[in-house]
């Protein structure tokens, strides 16, 4: 089990890094070279840089994730590509994407895109608050706890 972050603009990187550390899980942040940083991260954190391009990070993530990994992204299209691989996918709000809701979300994205193309303004995201951080951490922690083998399984 590893924690992947679609890193371009994710407001929950530090939350995921802290949770990864507390569970002993690797955290892989995939981001564009446009977001290059000299910041030093803990040993359990790996930064993977990809070339510029609308979907470069997405394709890299699709190629790297495996069953039982977790992905944090706000990209419904990316979520739809990794769900069939057995990856658990979370929005930074804490909402989990799954086979039951991804179709509706993709359809909403499509219709919003058509409206924007027609010059109609659609609502953008609300500012991300500390309450949002707490909701995200609780949701991800619960999911990680569910995914960890029990002590009986490891005997």
N, C-alpha and C. Protein backbone atom coordinates (compact mmCIF):
# COMPACT_ATOMS: atom_id res chain seq x y z
N UNK A 1 0.85 -1.17 0.00
CA UNK A 1 0.00 0.00 0.00
C UNK A 1 0.89 1.24 0.00
N UNK A 2 0.64 2.11 -1.00
CA UNK A 2 1.38 3.36 -1.10
C UNK A 2 0.38 4.49 -1.29
N UNK A 3 0.81 5.70 -0.96
CA UNK A 3 -0.04 6.87 -1.09
C UNK A 3 0.50 7.75 -2.21
N UNK A 4 -0.27 7.89 -3.28
CA UNK A 4 0.11 8.73 -4.41
C UNK A 4 -0.65 10.04 -4.34
N UNK A 5 0.04 11.11 -4.71
CA UNK A 5 -0.60 12.42 -4.78
C UNK A 5 -0.42 12.98 -6.18
N UNK A 6 -1.53 13.34 -6.81
CA UNK A 6 -1.49 14.10 -8.05
C UNK A 6 -1.12 15.51 -7.61
N UNK A 7 0.18 15.83 -7.68
CA UNK A 7 0.75 16.92 -6.92
C UNK A 7 0.54 18.33 -7.39
N UNK A 8 0.15 18.56 -8.61
CA UNK A 8 0.00 19.93 -9.10
C UNK A 8 -1.16 20.61 -8.37
N UNK A 9 -0.84 21.44 -7.42
CA UNK A 9 -1.86 22.23 -6.73
C UNK A 9 -2.63 21.51 -5.64
N UNK A 10 -2.18 20.37 -5.19
CA UNK A 10 -2.90 19.66 -4.13
C UNK A 10 -2.74 20.37 -2.79
N UNK A 11 -3.85 20.69 -2.12
CA UNK A 11 -3.75 21.38 -0.83
C UNK A 11 -3.50 20.44 0.35
N UNK A 12 -3.41 19.14 0.09
CA UNK A 12 -3.30 18.18 1.21
C UNK A 12 -1.98 17.40 1.22
N UNK A 13 -0.98 17.88 0.52
CA UNK A 13 0.30 17.16 0.49
C UNK A 13 0.84 16.90 1.89
N UNK A 14 0.90 17.94 2.71
CA UNK A 14 1.46 17.78 4.06
C UNK A 14 0.62 16.83 4.90
N UNK A 15 -0.69 16.85 4.74
CA UNK A 15 -1.56 15.93 5.47
C UNK A 15 -1.23 14.48 5.10
N UNK A 16 -1.06 14.22 3.81
CA UNK A 16 -0.76 12.87 3.34
C UNK A 16 0.62 12.44 3.81
N UNK A 17 1.58 13.34 3.75
CA UNK A 17 2.95 13.02 4.19
C UNK A 17 2.94 12.63 5.67
N UNK A 18 2.23 13.38 6.49
CA UNK A 18 2.17 13.06 7.93
C UNK A 18 1.47 11.73 8.18
N UNK A 19 0.37 11.47 7.47
CA UNK A 19 -0.31 10.19 7.63
C UNK A 19 0.58 9.04 7.16
N UNK A 20 1.25 9.24 6.03
CA UNK A 20 2.16 8.21 5.53
C UNK A 20 3.23 7.88 6.54
N UNK A 21 3.79 8.90 7.15
CA UNK A 21 4.83 8.68 8.15
C UNK A 21 4.28 7.92 9.35
N UNK A 22 3.09 8.28 9.82
CA UNK A 22 2.54 7.63 11.01
C UNK A 22 2.19 6.16 10.75
N UNK A 23 1.92 5.80 9.49
CA UNK A 23 1.59 4.41 9.15
C UNK A 23 2.78 3.66 8.54
N UNK A 24 3.89 4.34 8.32
CA UNK A 24 5.03 3.69 7.68
C UNK A 24 4.79 3.41 6.21
N UNK A 25 4.04 4.28 5.54
CA UNK A 25 3.72 4.09 4.12
C UNK A 25 4.50 5.07 3.26
N UNK A 26 4.91 4.60 2.09
CA UNK A 26 5.58 5.48 1.14
C UNK A 26 4.57 6.45 0.54
N UNK A 27 5.03 7.68 0.33
CA UNK A 27 4.22 8.71 -0.32
C UNK A 27 4.94 9.11 -1.60
N UNK A 28 4.24 9.04 -2.72
CA UNK A 28 4.80 9.41 -4.01
C UNK A 28 4.01 10.60 -4.54
N UNK A 29 4.70 11.72 -4.72
CA UNK A 29 4.08 12.93 -5.26
C UNK A 29 4.51 13.05 -6.72
N UNK A 30 3.53 13.01 -7.62
CA UNK A 30 3.82 13.14 -9.05
C UNK A 30 3.38 14.53 -9.47
N UNK A 31 4.33 15.28 -10.02
CA UNK A 31 4.07 16.68 -10.34
C UNK A 31 4.88 17.12 -11.55
N UNK A 32 4.45 18.19 -12.16
CA UNK A 32 5.12 18.75 -13.32
C UNK A 32 6.43 19.42 -12.92
N UNK A 33 7.37 19.47 -13.85
CA UNK A 33 8.62 20.19 -13.59
C UNK A 33 8.35 21.67 -13.30
N UNK A 34 7.19 22.15 -13.69
CA UNK A 34 6.81 23.53 -13.38
C UNK A 34 6.70 23.76 -11.88
N UNK A 35 6.55 22.68 -11.12
CA UNK A 35 6.40 22.78 -9.66
C UNK A 35 7.65 22.27 -8.94
N UNK A 36 8.79 22.33 -9.62
CA UNK A 36 10.04 21.86 -9.03
C UNK A 36 10.31 22.60 -7.72
N UNK A 37 10.80 21.85 -6.74
CA UNK A 37 11.13 22.45 -5.45
C UNK A 37 12.45 21.88 -4.94
N UNK A 38 13.14 22.67 -4.16
CA UNK A 38 14.36 22.19 -3.51
C UNK A 38 14.05 21.77 -2.07
N UNK A 39 12.78 21.82 -1.69
CA UNK A 39 12.37 21.42 -0.35
C UNK A 39 12.80 19.98 -0.10
N UNK A 40 13.32 19.73 1.08
CA UNK A 40 13.72 18.38 1.43
C UNK A 40 12.59 17.70 2.17
N UNK A 41 12.28 16.50 1.74
CA UNK A 41 11.21 15.72 2.35
C UNK A 41 11.80 14.55 3.13
N UNK A 42 10.99 13.96 3.98
CA UNK A 42 11.39 12.78 4.76
C UNK A 42 11.68 11.62 3.81
N UNK A 43 12.35 10.60 4.33
CA UNK A 43 12.77 9.46 3.51
C UNK A 43 11.61 8.68 2.89
N UNK A 44 10.44 8.73 3.50
CA UNK A 44 9.31 7.96 2.97
C UNK A 44 8.59 8.69 1.83
N UNK A 45 9.10 9.88 1.46
CA UNK A 45 8.47 10.69 0.41
C UNK A 45 9.35 10.71 -0.83
N UNK A 46 8.75 10.40 -1.96
CA UNK A 46 9.44 10.45 -3.25
C UNK A 46 8.72 11.45 -4.14
N UNK A 47 9.48 12.32 -4.79
CA UNK A 47 8.91 13.26 -5.75
C UNK A 47 9.26 12.77 -7.15
N UNK A 48 8.25 12.62 -7.99
CA UNK A 48 8.45 12.21 -9.37
C UNK A 48 8.04 13.39 -10.25
N UNK A 49 9.01 13.92 -10.98
CA UNK A 49 8.74 15.05 -11.87
C UNK A 49 8.47 14.54 -13.28
N UNK A 50 7.49 15.15 -13.92
CA UNK A 50 7.16 14.81 -15.30
C UNK A 50 7.25 16.08 -16.15
N UNK A 51 7.36 15.88 -17.46
CA UNK A 51 7.42 17.02 -18.38
C UNK A 51 6.12 17.82 -18.34
N UNK A 52 6.22 19.02 -18.88
CA UNK A 52 5.02 19.84 -19.02
C UNK A 52 4.04 19.12 -19.94
N UNK A 53 2.80 19.38 -19.73
CA UNK A 53 1.78 18.76 -20.58
C UNK A 53 0.55 18.49 -19.75
N UNK A 54 -0.59 18.67 -20.37
CA UNK A 54 -1.86 18.60 -19.64
C UNK A 54 -2.03 17.28 -18.88
N UNK A 55 -1.62 16.18 -19.47
CA UNK A 55 -1.88 14.89 -18.83
C UNK A 55 -0.63 14.11 -18.49
N UNK A 56 0.53 14.75 -18.50
CA UNK A 56 1.78 14.04 -18.23
C UNK A 56 1.78 13.37 -16.86
N UNK A 57 1.37 14.08 -15.83
CA UNK A 57 1.34 13.50 -14.48
C UNK A 57 0.33 12.36 -14.42
N UNK A 58 -0.80 12.54 -15.09
CA UNK A 58 -1.84 11.50 -15.07
C UNK A 58 -1.31 10.20 -15.66
N UNK A 59 -0.68 10.28 -16.81
CA UNK A 59 -0.16 9.06 -17.45
C UNK A 59 0.90 8.39 -16.59
N UNK A 60 1.73 9.18 -15.96
CA UNK A 60 2.77 8.62 -15.08
C UNK A 60 2.12 7.90 -13.91
N UNK A 61 1.12 8.51 -13.32
CA UNK A 61 0.43 7.90 -12.18
C UNK A 61 -0.24 6.60 -12.61
N UNK A 62 -0.94 6.60 -13.74
CA UNK A 62 -1.61 5.39 -14.22
C UNK A 62 -0.60 4.25 -14.37
N UNK A 63 0.60 4.57 -14.84
CA UNK A 63 1.62 3.55 -15.02
C UNK A 63 2.26 3.07 -13.73
N UNK A 64 2.18 3.86 -12.68
CA UNK A 64 2.86 3.52 -11.43
C UNK A 64 1.96 2.84 -10.39
N UNK A 65 0.68 3.19 -10.34
CA UNK A 65 -0.18 2.68 -9.26
C UNK A 65 -0.50 1.21 -9.45
N UNK A 66 -0.73 0.55 -8.32
CA UNK A 66 -1.08 -0.87 -8.30
C UNK A 66 -2.26 -1.08 -7.36
N UNK A 67 -2.81 -2.26 -7.42
CA UNK A 67 -3.92 -2.62 -6.54
C UNK A 67 -3.54 -2.32 -5.09
N UNK A 68 -4.51 -1.79 -4.35
CA UNK A 68 -4.38 -1.44 -2.93
C UNK A 68 -3.61 -0.15 -2.66
N UNK A 69 -3.14 0.52 -3.70
CA UNK A 69 -2.55 1.84 -3.51
C UNK A 69 -3.69 2.85 -3.32
N UNK A 70 -3.33 4.03 -2.85
CA UNK A 70 -4.27 5.14 -2.70
C UNK A 70 -3.79 6.28 -3.58
N UNK A 71 -4.74 7.00 -4.15
CA UNK A 71 -4.43 8.17 -4.96
C UNK A 71 -5.27 9.34 -4.48
N UNK A 72 -4.63 10.48 -4.29
CA UNK A 72 -5.33 11.70 -3.94
C UNK A 72 -5.27 12.61 -5.16
N UNK A 73 -6.44 12.92 -5.72
CA UNK A 73 -6.52 13.75 -6.91
C UNK A 73 -7.88 14.44 -6.96
N UNK A 74 -7.95 15.53 -7.68
CA UNK A 74 -9.25 16.15 -7.94
C UNK A 74 -9.67 15.93 -9.39
N UNK A 75 -8.92 15.10 -10.09
CA UNK A 75 -9.12 14.85 -11.52
C UNK A 75 -10.00 13.60 -11.70
N UNK A 76 -11.25 13.82 -12.10
CA UNK A 76 -12.19 12.71 -12.28
C UNK A 76 -11.72 11.76 -13.38
N UNK A 77 -11.15 12.32 -14.44
CA UNK A 77 -10.67 11.48 -15.54
C UNK A 77 -9.59 10.53 -15.07
N UNK A 78 -8.63 11.04 -14.32
CA UNK A 78 -7.56 10.20 -13.77
C UNK A 78 -8.15 9.15 -12.84
N UNK A 79 -9.08 9.57 -12.00
CA UNK A 79 -9.72 8.62 -11.08
C UNK A 79 -10.36 7.47 -11.85
N UNK A 80 -11.03 7.79 -12.96
CA UNK A 80 -11.71 6.74 -13.74
C UNK A 80 -10.72 5.76 -14.37
N UNK A 81 -9.49 6.20 -14.61
CA UNK A 81 -8.49 5.33 -15.21
C UNK A 81 -7.85 4.37 -14.20
N UNK A 82 -7.77 4.77 -12.94
CA UNK A 82 -7.08 3.92 -11.96
C UNK A 82 -8.03 3.07 -11.12
N UNK A 83 -9.30 3.44 -11.06
CA UNK A 83 -10.25 2.64 -10.28
C UNK A 83 -10.29 1.17 -10.72
N UNK A 84 -10.29 0.87 -12.03
CA UNK A 84 -10.31 -0.54 -12.45
C UNK A 84 -9.06 -1.32 -12.02
N UNK A 85 -8.00 -0.62 -11.65
CA UNK A 85 -6.77 -1.29 -11.19
C UNK A 85 -6.83 -1.65 -9.70
N UNK A 86 -7.93 -1.32 -9.03
CA UNK A 86 -8.05 -1.62 -7.61
C UNK A 86 -7.43 -0.57 -6.71
N UNK A 87 -7.31 0.65 -7.23
CA UNK A 87 -6.75 1.77 -6.47
C UNK A 87 -7.90 2.50 -5.79
N UNK A 88 -7.70 2.89 -4.53
CA UNK A 88 -8.70 3.70 -3.83
C UNK A 88 -8.35 5.16 -4.09
N UNK A 89 -9.34 5.93 -4.53
CA UNK A 89 -9.11 7.29 -4.98
C UNK A 89 -9.92 8.28 -4.14
N UNK A 90 -9.22 9.32 -3.67
CA UNK A 90 -9.85 10.34 -2.83
C UNK A 90 -9.62 11.73 -3.39
N UNK A 91 -10.66 12.54 -3.29
CA UNK A 91 -10.58 13.97 -3.56
C UNK A 91 -10.01 14.61 -2.31
N UNK A 92 -9.40 15.78 -2.43
CA UNK A 92 -8.83 16.41 -1.23
C UNK A 92 -9.91 16.86 -0.23
N UNK A 93 -11.17 16.76 -0.62
CA UNK A 93 -12.26 17.05 0.32
C UNK A 93 -12.52 15.86 1.25
N UNK A 94 -11.94 14.70 0.91
CA UNK A 94 -12.18 13.48 1.68
C UNK A 94 -13.17 12.56 1.00
N UNK A 95 -13.84 13.04 -0.05
CA UNK A 95 -14.80 12.21 -0.78
C UNK A 95 -14.05 11.14 -1.55
N UNK A 96 -14.53 9.90 -1.45
CA UNK A 96 -13.91 8.81 -2.19
C UNK A 96 -14.60 8.64 -3.53
N UNK A 97 -13.80 8.54 -4.58
CA UNK A 97 -14.33 8.23 -5.91
C UNK A 97 -14.41 6.71 -6.00
N UNK A 98 -15.51 6.21 -6.57
CA UNK A 98 -15.63 4.77 -6.76
C UNK A 98 -16.43 4.50 -8.03
N UNK A 99 -16.60 3.22 -8.33
CA UNK A 99 -17.31 2.85 -9.56
C UNK A 99 -18.75 3.36 -9.55
N UNK A 100 -19.33 3.54 -8.37
CA UNK A 100 -20.73 3.97 -8.27
C UNK A 100 -20.91 5.45 -8.56
N UNK A 101 -19.91 6.28 -8.29
CA UNK A 101 -20.11 7.73 -8.47
C UNK A 101 -19.28 8.35 -9.60
N UNK A 102 -18.32 7.63 -10.14
CA UNK A 102 -17.41 8.25 -11.10
C UNK A 102 -18.11 8.63 -12.41
N UNK A 103 -19.07 7.83 -12.85
CA UNK A 103 -19.78 8.14 -14.09
C UNK A 103 -20.52 9.46 -14.01
N UNK A 104 -21.22 9.67 -12.91
CA UNK A 104 -21.96 10.91 -12.69
C UNK A 104 -21.00 12.10 -12.63
N UNK A 105 -19.88 11.92 -11.94
CA UNK A 105 -18.91 13.01 -11.83
C UNK A 105 -18.32 13.38 -13.19
N UNK A 106 -18.02 12.37 -14.00
CA UNK A 106 -17.49 12.65 -15.34
C UNK A 106 -18.52 13.37 -16.20
N UNK A 107 -19.78 12.97 -16.06
CA UNK A 107 -20.85 13.61 -16.82
C UNK A 107 -21.00 15.08 -16.40
N UNK A 108 -20.93 15.35 -15.10
CA UNK A 108 -21.01 16.73 -14.61
C UNK A 108 -19.84 17.57 -15.14
N UNK A 109 -18.65 16.95 -15.16
CA UNK A 109 -17.48 17.67 -15.68
C UNK A 109 -17.67 18.02 -17.15
N UNK A 110 -18.20 17.07 -17.91
CA UNK A 110 -18.45 17.29 -19.33
C UNK A 110 -19.41 18.46 -19.55
N UNK A 111 -20.52 18.45 -18.81
CA UNK A 111 -21.52 19.52 -18.98
C UNK A 111 -20.98 20.87 -18.52
N UNK A 112 -20.20 20.90 -17.45
CA UNK A 112 -19.59 22.15 -17.00
C UNK A 112 -18.63 22.69 -18.06
N UNK A 113 -17.88 21.80 -18.70
CA UNK A 113 -16.97 22.20 -19.76
C UNK A 113 -17.70 22.80 -20.95
N UNK A 114 -18.85 22.20 -21.30
CA UNK A 114 -19.65 22.74 -22.40
C UNK A 114 -20.16 24.14 -22.06
N UNK A 115 -20.60 24.33 -20.81
CA UNK A 115 -21.08 25.65 -20.40
C UNK A 115 -19.96 26.69 -20.46
N UNK A 116 -18.77 26.31 -19.98
CA UNK A 116 -17.64 27.25 -20.02
C UNK A 116 -17.28 27.61 -21.46
N UNK A 117 -17.32 26.61 -22.34
CA UNK A 117 -17.02 26.87 -23.76
C UNK A 117 -18.03 27.84 -24.37
N UNK A 118 -19.25 27.79 -23.88
CA UNK A 118 -20.30 28.67 -24.38
C UNK A 118 -20.24 30.04 -23.71
N UNK A 119 -19.26 30.25 -22.83
CA UNK A 119 -19.09 31.54 -22.19
C UNK A 119 -19.87 31.71 -20.91
N UNK A 120 -20.47 30.64 -20.44
CA UNK A 120 -21.24 30.71 -19.20
C UNK A 120 -20.32 30.37 -18.03
N UNK A 121 -20.32 31.24 -17.03
CA UNK A 121 -19.45 31.02 -15.87
C UNK A 121 -20.02 29.92 -14.98
N UNK A 122 -19.13 29.05 -14.53
CA UNK A 122 -19.53 28.02 -13.57
C UNK A 122 -18.79 28.31 -12.26
N UNK A 123 -19.33 27.77 -11.17
CA UNK A 123 -18.72 28.02 -9.87
C UNK A 123 -17.37 27.33 -9.77
N UNK A 124 -16.42 28.04 -9.19
CA UNK A 124 -15.12 27.45 -8.90
C UNK A 124 -15.12 26.86 -7.50
N UNK A 125 -14.00 26.29 -7.10
CA UNK A 125 -13.94 25.69 -5.77
C UNK A 125 -13.93 26.75 -4.67
N UNK A 126 -14.47 26.37 -3.52
CA UNK A 126 -14.44 27.25 -2.35
C UNK A 126 -13.04 27.23 -1.76
N UNK A 127 -12.68 28.25 -0.99
CA UNK A 127 -11.37 28.23 -0.31
C UNK A 127 -11.26 27.00 0.59
N UNK A 128 -10.08 26.42 0.65
CA UNK A 128 -9.84 25.21 1.44
C UNK A 128 -9.56 25.61 2.88
N UNK A 129 -10.34 25.09 3.80
CA UNK A 129 -10.27 25.51 5.21
C UNK A 129 -9.61 24.44 6.08
N UNK A 130 -9.34 24.80 7.33
CA UNK A 130 -8.81 23.83 8.29
C UNK A 130 -9.82 22.71 8.52
N UNK A 131 -11.10 23.04 8.49
CA UNK A 131 -12.14 22.01 8.62
C UNK A 131 -12.04 21.01 7.46
N UNK A 132 -11.76 21.52 6.26
CA UNK A 132 -11.58 20.65 5.10
C UNK A 132 -10.38 19.73 5.29
N UNK A 133 -9.29 20.27 5.83
CA UNK A 133 -8.11 19.44 6.12
C UNK A 133 -8.47 18.32 7.09
N UNK A 134 -9.22 18.66 8.14
CA UNK A 134 -9.60 17.66 9.14
C UNK A 134 -10.48 16.58 8.53
N UNK A 135 -11.44 16.97 7.71
CA UNK A 135 -12.33 15.99 7.06
C UNK A 135 -11.53 15.06 6.17
N UNK A 136 -10.59 15.63 5.41
CA UNK A 136 -9.75 14.81 4.54
C UNK A 136 -8.93 13.82 5.36
N UNK A 137 -8.26 14.30 6.40
CA UNK A 137 -7.41 13.42 7.22
C UNK A 137 -8.22 12.29 7.83
N UNK A 138 -9.41 12.59 8.32
CA UNK A 138 -10.26 11.56 8.92
C UNK A 138 -10.66 10.51 7.90
N UNK A 139 -11.06 10.95 6.71
CA UNK A 139 -11.49 10.02 5.66
C UNK A 139 -10.33 9.13 5.22
N UNK A 140 -9.16 9.72 5.00
CA UNK A 140 -8.02 8.93 4.54
C UNK A 140 -7.53 7.98 5.64
N UNK A 141 -7.50 8.44 6.86
CA UNK A 141 -7.07 7.59 7.98
C UNK A 141 -8.00 6.39 8.11
N UNK A 142 -9.30 6.62 8.03
CA UNK A 142 -10.27 5.52 8.12
C UNK A 142 -10.04 4.51 6.99
N UNK A 143 -9.82 5.01 5.78
CA UNK A 143 -9.60 4.13 4.63
C UNK A 143 -8.30 3.33 4.78
N UNK A 144 -7.25 3.97 5.27
CA UNK A 144 -5.98 3.26 5.48
C UNK A 144 -6.18 2.19 6.53
N UNK A 145 -6.86 2.53 7.62
CA UNK A 145 -7.13 1.53 8.66
C UNK A 145 -7.89 0.34 8.10
N UNK A 146 -8.84 0.57 7.21
CA UNK A 146 -9.60 -0.51 6.59
C UNK A 146 -8.72 -1.37 5.70
N UNK A 147 -7.73 -0.75 5.07
CA UNK A 147 -6.89 -1.47 4.11
C UNK A 147 -5.72 -2.20 4.70
N UNK A 148 -5.38 -1.91 5.95
CA UNK A 148 -4.24 -2.57 6.59
C UNK A 148 -4.62 -3.97 7.02
N UNK A 149 -3.69 -4.93 6.87
CA UNK A 149 -3.99 -6.28 7.36
C UNK A 149 -4.12 -6.27 8.88
N UNK A 150 -5.06 -7.06 9.38
CA UNK A 150 -5.21 -7.14 10.83
C UNK A 150 -4.05 -7.93 11.41
N UNK A 151 -3.85 -7.84 12.71
CA UNK A 151 -2.75 -8.57 13.35
C UNK A 151 -2.97 -10.06 13.21
N UNK A 152 -4.23 -10.51 13.12
CA UNK A 152 -4.51 -11.93 12.92
C UNK A 152 -4.07 -12.38 11.54
N UNK A 153 -4.20 -11.50 10.53
CA UNK A 153 -3.79 -11.83 9.17
C UNK A 153 -2.29 -12.03 9.06
N UNK A 154 -1.53 -11.37 9.92
CA UNK A 154 -0.07 -11.43 9.79
C UNK A 154 0.54 -12.56 10.62
N UNK A 155 -0.30 -13.37 11.24
CA UNK A 155 0.23 -14.51 12.02
C UNK A 155 0.49 -15.69 11.16
